[in-house]
Amino acid sequence: MRLYSTKNTSSFVGLGEAIMKGLPNDNGLFMPEHFPKLSESFINNLKDYSFQEIAFEVSKTLFQGTIPENDLKEIIEKSITFPAPIQTLDNQTYVLELFHGPSLAFKDFGARFMAQIMSYFNRGNEKELVILVATSGDTGGAVASGFLKTPGTKVVILYPKGKVSMLQEKQLTTLGHNISALEVEGTFDDCQALVKQAFLDDKLNSQIRLTSANSINIARLVPQSFYYFEAFKQLNDYKSPITFVVPSGNYGNITAGLIAQKMGLPIAHFVAASNANDIVPHYLCTGNYNPRPSVRTLSNAMDVGNPSNFARMQDLFGFTWNNMSKNISGYSINDEATKLGIKEVFEKYNYIIDPHGAVGYLAFKAYQKINPDTKGIILETAHPSKFIDSVEEVINQKIDIPERLAILADKKKESVLISTKFDPFKKWLLENY
């Protein structure tokens, strides 16, 4: 398997180098040279495969022998250890629950797979690997859980001060061991900019082995493609056009769905559901891409003003707006509407949905007004208890907090406050690693 940079399609690296570097030297993003098709027999008989078997077949086909099959099976067995069940709201509306992992967010799939595959490629290397990750809420918790106590690795999580929920923050700041948290006086985009700048700094990279655990790393996207196949399997409907509705911030999740589609999964359409940070929906409607500073919303994991994976989306569609807009529809949902969406889903279906899922639900309902016969699978990206205050206020009912989250509430937060300037961040890294 070979990968190129979105900024240089004529220069290639292997899978191991792409994963361990995270980001190309030119600040592009790594992309597979091509996407091999899965067999029609496999696609048509998904119901006969377990989730782990699906994950193995997809990754084996994509990696093209880069990792021996027995090693790949072990990576899958250690990382894909929890389900992704579908819940039916009505005969056209389904919810894919992606919060059954240890950090109660969809990013557990990518983080745990990444931890295992990095350990595989890191074998025999005595120099410590420092993993940088910027988070707008859920990524940090998933990465912290996935890499906790992993030999030979240290994790540095950058998160925006005051812009994640209390329980999300506890997931980032209470684990200790090989996990450090930096509280940045800015937005997620500032955190992401610091991480990207670190990868381009010669002095840092000469002294520290750096890599990324954000969705800028291709190792995050591959496992996120698995649950699109798993969802299709559960619906087991090859006659109706199936639309996937994806709450979107940095657009890694929808890019993973596009990879699944490229490999042969018959997805009819995608709906990119955003909050007030509507940069991509605006592009899909107008053809104009205008990144701007993110604004804070109830669905904070999507508070991104300059999505990294938009470059991959452009690459997949040949940098042609018309091609992308035919395959993806974009909708933006504000906070007031999000609250109404949470309430409607609870009162109409007796289902508690989190703010991100509510954005997806409302985006799908808007899409259905134009396409009334479509069936939609909404990706429910996080457990509602992670946003307990806002959800309980809307539905006027207590939410049960899973024990693995509840036990964090009383733990002491440990973090380092930093500015948005790169030099202090660089100095901190050099002093600590």
Protein backbone atom coordinates (compact mmCIF):
# COMPACT_ATOMS: atom_id res chain seq x y z
CA MET A 1 0.00 0.00 0.00
CA ARG A 2 1.31 3.44 -0.96
CA LEU A 3 0.06 6.85 0.14
CA TYR A 4 0.63 10.34 -1.25
CA SER A 5 0.18 13.82 0.14
CA THR A 6 -2.87 15.85 -0.89
CA LYS A 7 -0.31 18.54 -1.77
CA ASN A 8 1.97 16.26 -3.80
CA THR A 9 0.38 13.34 -5.64
CA SER A 10 3.67 12.18 -7.20
CA SER A 11 5.56 11.35 -3.99
CA PHE A 12 4.68 8.18 -2.07
CA VAL A 13 5.31 6.61 1.34
CA GLY A 14 4.38 3.26 2.84
CA LEU A 15 1.60 2.69 5.36
CA GLY A 16 3.92 2.48 8.36
CA GLU A 17 5.63 5.78 7.56
CA ALA A 18 2.30 7.53 6.95
CA ILE A 19 0.90 6.35 10.28
CA MET A 20 4.00 7.04 12.34
CA LYS A 21 4.60 10.49 10.82
CA GLY A 22 0.92 11.44 10.88
CA LEU A 23 1.42 14.43 8.59
CA PRO A 24 3.50 14.83 5.38
CA ASN A 25 6.37 17.33 5.42
CA ASP A 26 4.41 19.63 3.08
CA ASN A 27 1.53 19.95 5.60
CA GLY A 28 -0.86 18.05 3.34
CA LEU A 29 -2.67 14.88 4.38
CA PHE A 30 -1.82 11.30 3.47
CA MET A 31 -4.19 9.54 1.07
CA PRO A 32 -4.12 5.97 -0.30
CA GLU A 33 -2.92 5.74 -3.89
CA HIS A 34 -6.13 3.92 -4.77
CA PHE A 35 -9.10 2.26 -3.06
CA PRO A 36 -9.44 -1.41 -4.03
CA LYS A 37 -13.00 -2.67 -4.39
CA LEU A 38 -14.36 -5.29 -2.06
CA SER A 39 -16.00 -8.27 -3.77
CA GLU A 40 -19.70 -8.11 -4.58
CA SER A 41 -20.12 -11.39 -2.74
CA PHE A 42 -18.76 -9.83 0.45
CA ILE A 43 -20.93 -6.70 0.12
CA ASN A 44 -24.08 -8.70 -0.64
CA ASN A 45 -23.54 -11.08 2.28
CA LEU A 46 -22.49 -8.69 5.05
CA LYS A 47 -25.12 -10.25 7.29
CA ASP A 48 -23.03 -13.43 7.41
CA TYR A 49 -19.98 -11.66 8.89
CA SER A 50 -19.28 -10.53 12.45
CA PHE A 51 -18.18 -6.94 13.08
CA GLN A 52 -14.59 -8.12 13.58
CA GLU A 53 -14.71 -10.15 10.37
CA ILE A 54 -15.96 -7.10 8.46
CA ALA A 55 -13.18 -4.97 9.95
CA PHE A 56 -10.59 -7.55 8.96
CA GLU A 57 -11.84 -7.90 5.38
CA VAL A 58 -12.01 -4.13 4.83
CA SER A 59 -8.56 -3.42 6.28
CA LYS A 60 -6.96 -6.45 4.58
CA THR A 61 -8.29 -5.30 1.22
CA LEU A 62 -7.15 -1.72 1.75
CA PHE A 63 -3.70 -2.53 3.17
CA GLN A 64 -2.92 -4.98 0.35
CA GLY A 65 -0.57 -7.23 2.30
CA THR A 66 1.34 -4.47 4.12
CA ILE A 67 0.52 -6.16 7.44
CA PRO A 68 0.53 -9.99 7.60
CA GLU A 69 -2.97 -11.41 8.05
CA ASN A 70 -2.32 -12.96 11.47
CA ASP A 71 -0.95 -9.66 12.81
CA LEU A 72 -3.87 -7.75 11.31
CA LYS A 73 -6.34 -10.14 12.91
CA GLU A 74 -4.69 -9.55 16.28
CA ILE A 75 -4.91 -5.76 15.82
CA ILE A 76 -8.63 -6.09 15.01
CA GLU A 77 -9.32 -8.47 17.90
CA LYS A 78 -7.73 -6.08 20.41
CA SER A 79 -9.37 -2.91 19.09
CA ILE A 80 -12.86 -3.73 17.79
CA THR A 81 -14.20 -5.05 21.09
CA PHE A 82 -17.54 -3.27 21.42
CA PRO A 83 -20.67 -3.11 19.24
CA ALA A 84 -22.19 -0.47 16.98
CA PRO A 85 -25.92 -1.27 17.17
CA ILE A 86 -28.70 0.35 15.16
CA GLN A 87 -31.83 1.65 16.88
CA THR A 88 -35.02 2.20 14.88
CA LEU A 89 -36.88 5.48 15.34
CA ASP A 90 -39.34 4.88 12.50
CA ASN A 91 -39.40 2.91 9.24
CA GLN A 92 -37.21 5.50 7.53
CA THR A 93 -35.08 6.82 10.39
CA TYR A 94 -32.37 4.85 12.17
CA VAL A 95 -29.69 5.71 14.73
CA LEU A 96 -26.27 4.06 14.66
CA GLU A 97 -25.01 4.09 18.24
CA LEU A 98 -21.25 4.63 18.25
CA PHE A 99 -20.82 5.31 21.97
CA HIS A 100 -20.42 1.83 23.42
CA GLY A 101 -16.62 2.05 23.74
CA PRO A 102 -14.62 3.01 26.85
CA SER A 103 -14.86 6.81 26.39
CA LEU A 104 -18.49 6.73 25.21
CA ALA A 105 -17.75 8.33 21.83
CA PHE A 106 -17.34 7.16 18.24
CA LYS A 107 -13.67 8.05 18.32
CA ASP A 108 -12.98 4.98 20.44
CA PHE A 109 -13.00 2.92 17.23
CA GLY A 110 -10.24 5.00 15.66
CA ALA A 111 -8.21 5.55 18.83
CA ARG A 112 -8.05 1.90 19.88
CA PHE A 113 -7.22 0.70 16.37
CA MET A 114 -4.58 3.40 16.09
CA ALA A 115 -3.01 2.40 19.41
CA GLN A 116 -2.69 -1.20 18.23
CA ILE A 117 -1.39 -0.44 14.74
CA MET A 118 1.11 2.11 16.05
CA SER A 119 2.37 -0.45 18.55
CA TYR A 120 2.80 -2.86 15.65
CA PHE A 121 4.86 -0.42 13.56
CA ASN A 122 6.75 0.82 16.64
CA ARG A 123 8.15 -2.61 17.50
CA GLY A 124 11.90 -2.60 17.95
CA ASN A 125 12.15 1.20 18.14
CA GLU A 126 13.66 2.24 21.45
CA LYS A 127 12.97 5.98 21.08
CA GLU A 128 9.80 7.12 22.80
CA LEU A 129 6.88 8.14 20.57
CA VAL A 130 5.10 11.38 21.54
CA ILE A 131 1.53 11.55 20.23
CA LEU A 132 0.00 15.01 19.85
CA VAL A 133 -3.77 15.37 19.68
CA ALA A 134 -6.01 18.42 19.51
CA THR A 135 -9.55 17.89 20.73
CA SER A 136 -12.81 19.78 20.64
CA GLY A 137 -14.28 17.34 23.14
CA ASP A 138 -14.35 13.63 22.36
CA THR A 139 -11.11 12.88 20.50
CA GLY A 140 -8.94 13.51 23.53
CA GLY A 141 -10.86 11.17 25.80
CA ALA A 142 -10.84 8.39 23.22
CA VAL A 143 -7.12 8.75 22.52
CA ALA A 144 -6.29 8.94 26.23
CA SER A 145 -8.23 5.73 26.85
CA GLY A 146 -6.83 3.99 23.79
CA PHE A 147 -3.17 4.75 24.54
CA LEU A 148 -3.25 4.68 28.35
CA LYS A 149 -0.18 2.77 29.62
CA THR A 150 0.80 1.76 26.09
CA PRO A 151 4.56 1.01 26.27
CA GLY A 152 6.86 3.39 24.43
CA THR A 153 4.27 6.15 23.99
CA LYS A 154 3.41 9.45 25.63
CA VAL A 155 0.22 11.37 24.74
CA VAL A 156 -0.17 15.16 24.83
CA ILE A 157 -3.76 16.40 24.54
CA LEU A 158 -4.50 20.04 23.68
CA TYR A 159 -8.03 21.22 24.41
CA PRO A 160 -9.71 24.66 24.39
CA LYS A 161 -10.19 26.13 27.86
CA GLY A 162 -13.85 26.35 28.89
CA LYS A 163 -15.13 24.83 25.64
CA VAL A 164 -15.59 21.17 26.56
CA SER A 165 -18.11 19.70 28.98
CA MET A 166 -17.10 18.93 32.57
CA LEU A 167 -17.11 15.17 32.08
CA GLN A 168 -15.27 15.45 28.76
CA GLU A 169 -12.59 17.47 30.54
CA LYS A 170 -12.28 14.89 33.29
CA GLN A 171 -11.67 12.21 30.65
CA LEU A 172 -8.69 14.23 29.41
CA THR A 173 -7.18 15.39 32.66
CA THR A 174 -7.52 12.66 35.29
CA LEU A 175 -5.79 9.57 33.86
CA GLY A 176 -2.15 10.46 34.52
CA HIS A 177 0.53 7.86 33.66
CA ASN A 178 1.58 8.57 30.05
CA ILE A 179 -1.24 11.09 29.39
CA SER A 180 -0.70 14.89 29.71
CA ALA A 181 -3.31 17.59 29.11
CA LEU A 182 -2.64 21.14 27.92
CA GLU A 183 -5.48 23.64 28.41
CA VAL A 184 -5.22 26.17 25.59
CA GLU A 185 -6.56 29.71 25.98
CA GLY A 186 -8.26 29.65 22.58
CA THR A 187 -10.44 27.54 20.27
CA PHE A 188 -10.09 24.05 18.86
CA ASP A 189 -8.67 25.59 15.69
CA ASP A 190 -5.89 27.14 17.79
CA CYS A 191 -5.15 23.73 19.31
CA GLN A 192 -5.08 22.13 15.88
CA ALA A 193 -2.81 24.86 14.53
CA LEU A 194 -0.30 24.26 17.35
CA VAL A 195 -0.23 20.53 16.60
CA LYS A 196 0.28 21.07 12.87
CA GLN A 197 3.02 23.63 13.47
CA ALA A 198 4.83 21.18 15.74
CA PHE A 199 5.07 18.66 12.91
CA LEU A 200 6.69 21.27 10.66
CA ASP A 201 9.29 22.41 13.23
CA ASP A 202 12.72 20.96 12.41
CA LYS A 203 14.17 21.31 15.91
CA LEU A 204 11.23 19.56 17.57
CA ASN A 205 11.26 16.71 15.09
CA SER A 206 15.02 16.24 15.37
CA GLN A 207 14.74 15.74 19.14
CA ILE A 208 11.30 14.16 19.60
CA ARG A 209 9.52 11.42 17.66
CA LEU A 210 6.19 13.13 17.01
CA THR A 211 3.01 11.77 15.50
CA SER A 212 -0.67 12.71 15.54
CA ALA A 213 -3.77 10.93 16.80
CA ASN A 214 -6.20 13.38 15.21
CA SER A 215 -8.14 12.40 12.13
CA ILE A 216 -5.35 14.01 10.12
CA ASN A 217 -3.72 10.59 10.71
CA ILE A 218 -4.97 8.02 8.19
CA ALA A 219 -4.95 5.35 10.93
CA ARG A 220 -7.94 7.08 12.52
CA LEU A 221 -10.07 7.00 9.37
CA VAL A 222 -9.64 3.37 8.34
CA PRO A 223 -11.38 1.86 11.41
CA GLN A 224 -14.11 4.49 11.25
CA SER A 225 -15.06 3.08 7.85
CA PHE A 226 -15.80 -0.31 9.47
CA TYR A 227 -19.03 0.76 11.13
CA TYR A 228 -20.57 1.97 7.89
CA PHE A 229 -20.44 -1.65 6.70
CA GLU A 230 -21.70 -2.84 10.09
CA ALA A 231 -24.67 -0.44 9.87
CA PHE A 232 -25.52 -1.57 6.35
CA LYS A 233 -25.39 -5.18 7.54
CA GLN A 234 -27.92 -4.56 10.30
CA LEU A 235 -30.35 -2.76 8.03
CA ASN A 236 -29.94 -5.53 5.43
CA ASP A 237 -31.81 -3.51 2.80
CA TYR A 238 -30.28 -3.42 -0.67
CA LYS A 239 -33.41 -2.16 -2.42
CA SER A 240 -33.89 1.23 -0.74
CA PRO A 241 -31.37 4.05 -1.21
CA ILE A 242 -29.54 4.49 2.11
CA THR A 243 -28.35 7.92 3.21
CA PHE A 244 -25.83 8.30 6.02
CA VAL A 245 -26.27 11.40 8.16
CA VAL A 246 -23.00 12.43 9.76
CA PRO A 247 -22.65 15.08 12.49
CA SER A 248 -19.48 16.78 11.30
CA GLY A 249 -16.73 18.97 12.77
CA ASN A 250 -13.29 18.07 11.41
CA TYR A 251 -14.96 15.86 8.75
CA GLY A 252 -12.94 12.73 9.46
CA ASN A 253 -16.08 10.69 10.09
CA ILE A 254 -17.69 11.53 6.78
CA THR A 255 -14.37 10.99 4.99
CA ALA A 256 -14.30 7.47 6.46
CA GLY A 257 -17.78 6.94 5.01
CA LEU A 258 -16.56 8.14 1.62
CA ILE A 259 -13.74 5.57 1.85
CA ALA A 260 -16.33 2.84 2.51
CA GLN A 261 -18.29 4.05 -0.52
CA LYS A 262 -15.14 4.06 -2.67
CA MET A 263 -14.49 0.45 -1.65
CA GLY A 264 -17.91 -0.64 -2.86
CA LEU A 265 -20.46 -0.06 -0.10
CA PRO A 266 -23.60 1.12 -1.96
CA ILE A 267 -24.22 4.32 0.00
CA ALA A 268 -26.69 6.46 -1.96
CA HIS A 269 -25.90 9.80 -0.36
CA PHE A 270 -24.34 11.59 2.61
CA VAL A 271 -25.74 14.41 4.70
CA ALA A 272 -23.11 16.54 6.43
CA ALA A 273 -24.80 17.90 9.54
CA SER A 274 -23.07 20.85 11.18
CA ASN A 275 -23.85 23.28 13.96
CA ALA A 276 -23.32 27.04 13.59
CA ASN A 277 -19.81 26.30 12.30
CA ASP A 278 -21.21 25.81 8.81
CA ILE A 279 -18.11 26.20 6.63
CA VAL A 280 -18.59 22.96 4.67
CA PRO A 281 -22.41 23.17 4.27
CA HIS A 282 -21.87 26.70 2.95
CA TYR A 283 -19.32 25.34 0.47
CA LEU A 284 -21.66 22.55 -0.63
CA CYS A 285 -24.37 25.12 -1.36
CA THR A 286 -22.23 27.82 -2.97
CA GLY A 287 -18.86 26.41 -4.00
CA ASN A 288 -17.12 28.97 -1.76
CA TYR A 289 -14.89 27.69 1.05
CA ASN A 290 -14.34 30.36 3.67
CA PRO A 291 -12.81 29.08 6.94
CA ARG A 292 -13.25 31.29 9.99
CA PRO A 293 -12.74 31.12 13.76
CA SER A 294 -15.05 28.57 15.33
CA VAL A 295 -17.88 29.56 17.66
CA ARG A 296 -18.95 27.67 20.77
CA THR A 297 -22.12 25.56 20.58
CA LEU A 298 -24.00 22.85 22.49
CA SER A 299 -22.53 20.27 20.11
CA ASN A 300 -18.99 21.27 21.00
CA ALA A 301 -17.17 18.34 19.36
CA MET A 302 -18.17 19.92 16.04
CA ASP A 303 -16.89 23.41 16.89
CA VAL A 304 -14.34 23.57 14.08
CA GLY A 305 -13.84 26.57 11.81
CA ASN A 306 -11.26 25.12 9.41
CA PRO A 307 -11.82 21.36 9.04
CA SER A 308 -8.62 19.47 8.25
CA ASN A 309 -10.27 16.63 6.37
CA PHE A 310 -11.86 18.94 3.85
CA ALA A 311 -8.60 18.57 1.90
CA ARG A 312 -9.20 14.80 1.73
CA MET A 313 -12.80 15.34 0.64
CA GLN A 314 -11.62 17.61 -2.17
CA ASP A 315 -9.05 15.04 -3.21
CA LEU A 316 -11.66 12.28 -3.33
CA PHE A 317 -13.85 14.37 -5.63
CA GLY A 318 -11.08 15.61 -7.88
CA PHE A 319 -11.22 19.10 -6.35
CA THR A 320 -14.55 19.60 -8.17
CA TRP A 321 -17.38 21.27 -6.27
CA ASN A 322 -20.03 19.83 -8.56
CA ASN A 323 -18.95 16.25 -7.89
CA MET A 324 -18.90 16.73 -4.13
CA SER A 325 -22.22 18.56 -3.93
CA LYS A 326 -23.95 15.77 -5.88
CA ASN A 327 -22.84 13.18 -3.32
CA ILE A 328 -23.08 15.22 -0.10
CA SER A 329 -25.78 17.60 1.11
CA GLY A 330 -24.96 20.00 3.91
CA TYR A 331 -27.19 21.46 6.62
CA SER A 332 -26.45 23.78 9.53
CA ILE A 333 -28.45 23.59 12.78
CA ASN A 334 -28.27 26.26 15.50
CA ASP A 335 -28.42 25.65 19.26
CA GLU A 336 -32.08 26.54 19.72
CA ALA A 337 -33.08 24.10 17.02
CA THR A 338 -30.76 21.49 18.52
CA LYS A 339 -32.61 21.70 21.83
CA LEU A 340 -35.93 21.28 20.03
CA GLY A 341 -34.48 18.28 18.21
CA ILE A 342 -33.45 16.60 21.48
CA LYS A 343 -36.94 17.21 22.84
CA GLU A 344 -38.70 15.96 19.71
CA VAL A 345 -36.73 12.72 19.57
CA PHE A 346 -37.44 12.07 23.25
CA GLU A 347 -41.16 12.85 23.10
CA LYS A 348 -41.83 11.22 19.72
CA TYR A 349 -39.63 8.12 19.99
CA ASN A 350 -38.77 7.84 23.71
CA TYR A 351 -35.09 7.96 22.74
CA ILE A 352 -32.49 10.18 24.41
CA ILE A 353 -30.17 11.65 21.80
CA ASP A 354 -27.11 13.80 22.42
CA PRO A 355 -26.70 17.30 20.91
CA HIS A 356 -24.57 16.03 18.01
CA GLY A 357 -27.08 13.32 17.16
CA ALA A 358 -29.88 15.90 17.38
CA VAL A 359 -28.06 18.03 14.79
CA GLY A 360 -27.95 14.94 12.59
CA TYR A 361 -31.63 14.17 13.18
CA LEU A 362 -32.73 17.67 12.18
CA ALA A 363 -30.45 17.70 9.15
CA PHE A 364 -31.99 14.43 7.99
CA LYS A 365 -35.52 15.77 8.46
CA ALA A 366 -34.56 18.79 6.33
CA TYR A 367 -33.12 16.48 3.66
CA GLN A 368 -36.27 14.32 3.74
CA LYS A 369 -38.42 17.31 2.80
CA ILE A 370 -36.73 17.20 -0.62
CA ASN A 371 -36.20 13.41 -0.68
CA PRO A 372 -39.21 11.96 1.17
CA ASP A 373 -38.64 8.32 0.21
CA THR A 374 -35.07 7.97 1.47
CA LYS A 375 -34.00 5.93 4.45
CA GLY A 376 -31.43 7.54 6.73
CA ILE A 377 -28.92 6.24 9.26
CA ILE A 378 -27.96 8.97 11.73
CA LEU A 379 -24.58 8.54 13.39
CA GLU A 380 -25.04 9.04 17.15
CA THR A 381 -21.49 9.97 18.00
CA ALA A 382 -21.53 10.28 21.81
CA HIS A 383 -23.50 9.13 24.83
CA PRO A 384 -25.96 11.82 25.99
CA SER A 385 -24.60 11.69 29.55
CA LYS A 386 -21.44 13.44 28.33
CA PHE A 387 -23.66 16.51 27.87
CA ILE A 388 -25.81 15.82 30.87
CA ASP A 389 -26.67 19.39 31.87
CA SER A 390 -27.98 20.52 28.49
CA VAL A 391 -29.82 17.25 27.72
CA GLU A 392 -31.48 16.90 31.15
CA GLU A 393 -32.62 20.51 30.98
CA VAL A 394 -34.37 19.86 27.65
CA ILE A 395 -36.05 16.53 28.40
CA ASN A 396 -36.70 17.34 32.09
CA GLN A 397 -35.54 13.89 33.13
CA LYS A 398 -32.48 12.42 34.80
CA ILE A 399 -29.97 10.57 32.61
CA ASP A 400 -28.11 7.54 33.87
CA ILE A 401 -24.35 8.07 33.69
CA PRO A 402 -22.41 4.91 32.83
CA GLU A 403 -20.09 3.95 35.69
CA ARG A 404 -16.91 4.35 33.63
CA LEU A 405 -17.80 8.02 33.19
CA ALA A 406 -19.40 8.66 36.58
CA ILE A 407 -16.26 7.62 38.49
CA LEU A 408 -14.33 10.48 36.89
CA ALA A 409 -16.54 13.24 38.32
CA ASP A 410 -14.75 13.46 41.67
CA LYS A 411 -11.22 12.94 40.35
CA LYS A 412 -8.79 15.83 40.43
CA LYS A 413 -8.12 17.65 37.19
CA GLU A 414 -4.44 17.84 36.20
CA SER A 415 -3.62 20.16 33.29
CA VAL A 416 -1.17 22.85 32.18
CA LEU A 417 -2.53 26.20 30.98
CA ILE A 418 -0.85 27.52 27.82
CA SER A 419 -1.46 30.35 25.36
CA THR A 420 -2.12 29.99 21.63
CA LYS A 421 1.48 30.99 20.80
CA PHE A 422 3.70 28.28 19.41
CA ASP A 423 7.00 29.08 21.16
CA PRO A 424 5.75 28.36 24.72
CA PHE A 425 4.21 25.10 23.48
CA LYS A 426 7.47 24.14 21.77
CA LYS A 427 9.42 24.97 24.92
CA TRP A 428 7.10 22.83 27.04
CA LEU A 429 7.55 19.85 24.70
CA LEU A 430 11.35 20.17 24.69
CA GLU A 431 11.47 20.46 28.47
CA ASN A 432 9.21 17.48 29.07
CA TYR A 433 10.30 15.07 26.33
